[in-house]
Amino acid sequence: MTTILAILQHALGRDQYGHGTDYRNHFVAGGDDLALCRDAVTQGLMVEHAARAISGGDPIFTVTDAGKAYIAEHSPKPPKVSRGKARYLKWLEVSECYPDMTFGDWLKAEERAR
């Protein structure tokens, strides 16, 4: 089920917890999303812009500062991650740079670096 919160997060390029860098600010709405976006407009969370050919004839919505504040207030907190899982997730991020390095080798290298 799509919600106003999910639309606001998606429009800015943020994750489900409201985290991330705002690398865009637009949402092209059609179908069921259109009513939610127009509801967000009435709440001052978004601004509606006219439909254009580039959007396939659907209206374009942008997030306001109030919408950004709404994301900050209503986004759930991310789940707690154990120390071990956090290390593994960090290794996954850098493993593409070191395709021949195993997780164990990476842990040893990290320990030596400290």
Protein backbone atom coordinates (compact mmCIF):
# COMPACT_ATOMS: atom_id res chain seq x y z
CA MET A 1 0.00 0.00 0.00
CA THR A 2 1.41 3.34 -1.06
CA THR A 3 1.29 6.18 1.46
CA ILE A 4 1.99 9.89 1.33
CA LEU A 5 5.17 9.24 3.31
CA ALA A 6 6.39 6.69 0.75
CA ILE A 7 5.65 9.09 -2.12
CA LEU A 8 7.51 11.94 -0.42
CA GLN A 9 10.52 9.71 0.28
CA HIS A 10 10.56 8.39 -3.28
CA ALA A 11 10.20 11.87 -4.79
CA LEU A 12 13.42 12.92 -3.08
CA GLY A 13 15.30 9.65 -3.57
CA ARG A 14 15.38 8.73 0.10
CA ASP A 15 15.07 5.25 1.60
CA GLN A 16 12.16 3.94 3.67
CA TYR A 17 13.70 5.45 6.81
CA GLY A 18 13.94 8.93 5.29
CA HIS A 19 17.72 8.68 4.90
CA GLY A 20 19.74 9.54 1.84
CA THR A 21 20.82 12.48 -0.24
CA ASP A 22 18.09 14.37 -2.06
CA TYR A 23 19.22 13.77 -5.62
CA ARG A 24 15.86 14.59 -7.18
CA ASN A 25 12.63 16.37 -6.28
CA HIS A 26 9.81 15.20 -8.48
CA PHE A 27 7.08 12.60 -8.65
CA VAL A 28 5.00 11.90 -11.73
CA ALA A 29 1.60 10.76 -10.49
CA GLY A 30 -1.05 8.72 -12.19
CA GLY A 31 -3.61 6.18 -11.05
CA ASP A 32 -4.04 5.75 -7.29
CA ASP A 33 -0.98 7.90 -6.54
CA LEU A 34 -2.64 10.97 -8.01
CA ALA A 35 -5.20 11.23 -5.19
CA LEU A 36 -2.47 10.80 -2.55
CA CYS A 37 -0.32 13.48 -4.15
CA ARG A 38 -3.23 15.90 -4.33
CA ASP A 39 -3.95 15.18 -0.66
CA ALA A 40 -0.29 16.01 0.07
CA VAL A 41 -0.79 19.30 -1.83
CA THR A 42 -3.75 20.23 0.38
CA GLN A 43 -1.56 19.55 3.43
CA GLY A 44 1.22 21.77 2.02
CA LEU A 45 3.63 18.85 1.64
CA MET A 46 3.85 18.99 -2.16
CA VAL A 47 3.26 21.40 -5.05
CA GLU A 48 1.47 20.28 -8.22
CA HIS A 49 2.84 21.30 -11.60
CA ALA A 50 1.02 21.04 -14.91
CA ALA A 51 1.17 17.86 -16.94
CA ARG A 52 3.73 17.89 -19.73
CA ALA A 53 4.65 15.70 -22.64
CA ILE A 54 7.86 14.61 -20.89
CA SER A 55 5.77 13.23 -18.00
CA GLY A 56 3.50 11.27 -20.29
CA GLY A 57 0.67 13.72 -19.77
CA ASP A 58 0.57 13.16 -16.00
CA PRO A 59 1.00 15.97 -13.45
CA ILE A 60 4.36 16.42 -11.74
CA PHE A 61 4.62 17.00 -7.99
CA THR A 62 7.54 18.41 -6.02
CA VAL A 63 8.18 18.19 -2.28
CA THR A 64 8.06 21.38 -0.18
CA ASP A 65 10.12 22.16 2.92
CA ALA A 66 7.05 21.14 4.95
CA GLY A 67 7.14 17.79 3.11
CA LYS A 68 10.79 17.32 4.08
CA ALA A 69 9.90 18.06 7.70
CA TYR A 70 7.04 15.54 7.44
CA ILE A 71 9.51 12.88 6.28
CA ALA A 72 11.82 13.63 9.20
CA GLU A 73 8.97 13.43 11.70
CA HIS A 74 7.10 10.39 10.35
CA SER A 75 9.78 8.08 8.95
CA PRO A 76 10.42 4.98 11.06
CA LYS A 77 13.75 4.50 12.76
CA PRO A 78 16.02 1.97 11.06
CA PRO A 79 16.43 -1.36 12.83
CA LYS A 80 19.41 -1.86 15.12
CA VAL A 81 22.30 -3.65 13.43
CA SER A 82 24.73 -5.79 15.40
CA ARG A 83 28.43 -4.92 15.31
CA GLY A 84 29.17 -8.06 13.29
CA LYS A 85 26.48 -7.37 10.73
CA ALA A 86 27.62 -3.76 10.44
CA ARG A 87 31.16 -4.96 9.62
CA TYR A 88 29.81 -7.39 7.04
CA LEU A 89 27.68 -4.67 5.42
CA LYS A 90 30.74 -2.41 5.28
CA TRP A 91 32.68 -5.21 3.56
CA LEU A 92 29.88 -5.63 1.02
CA GLU A 93 30.21 -1.95 0.15
CA VAL A 94 33.96 -2.20 -0.53
CA SER A 95 34.14 -5.78 -1.83
CA GLU A 96 33.62 -4.68 -5.43
CA CYS A 97 36.95 -2.86 -5.21
CA TYR A 98 38.71 -6.01 -3.96
CA PRO A 99 37.10 -8.94 -5.81
CA ASP A 100 39.79 -11.45 -4.73
CA MET A 101 39.64 -10.54 -1.02
CA THR A 102 37.52 -12.72 1.25
CA PHE A 103 35.59 -11.34 4.19
CA GLY A 104 38.10 -12.95 6.57
CA ASP A 105 41.05 -11.36 4.75
CA TRP A 106 39.30 -8.01 4.86
CA LEU A 107 38.70 -8.36 8.63
CA LYS A 108 42.42 -9.05 9.16
CA ALA A 109 43.37 -6.04 7.04
CA GLU A 110 40.95 -3.85 8.99
CA GLU A 111 42.45 -5.06 12.27
CA ARG A 112 45.98 -4.27 11.06
CA ALA A 113 44.86 -0.80 9.97
CA ARG A 114 43.74 0.05 13.52
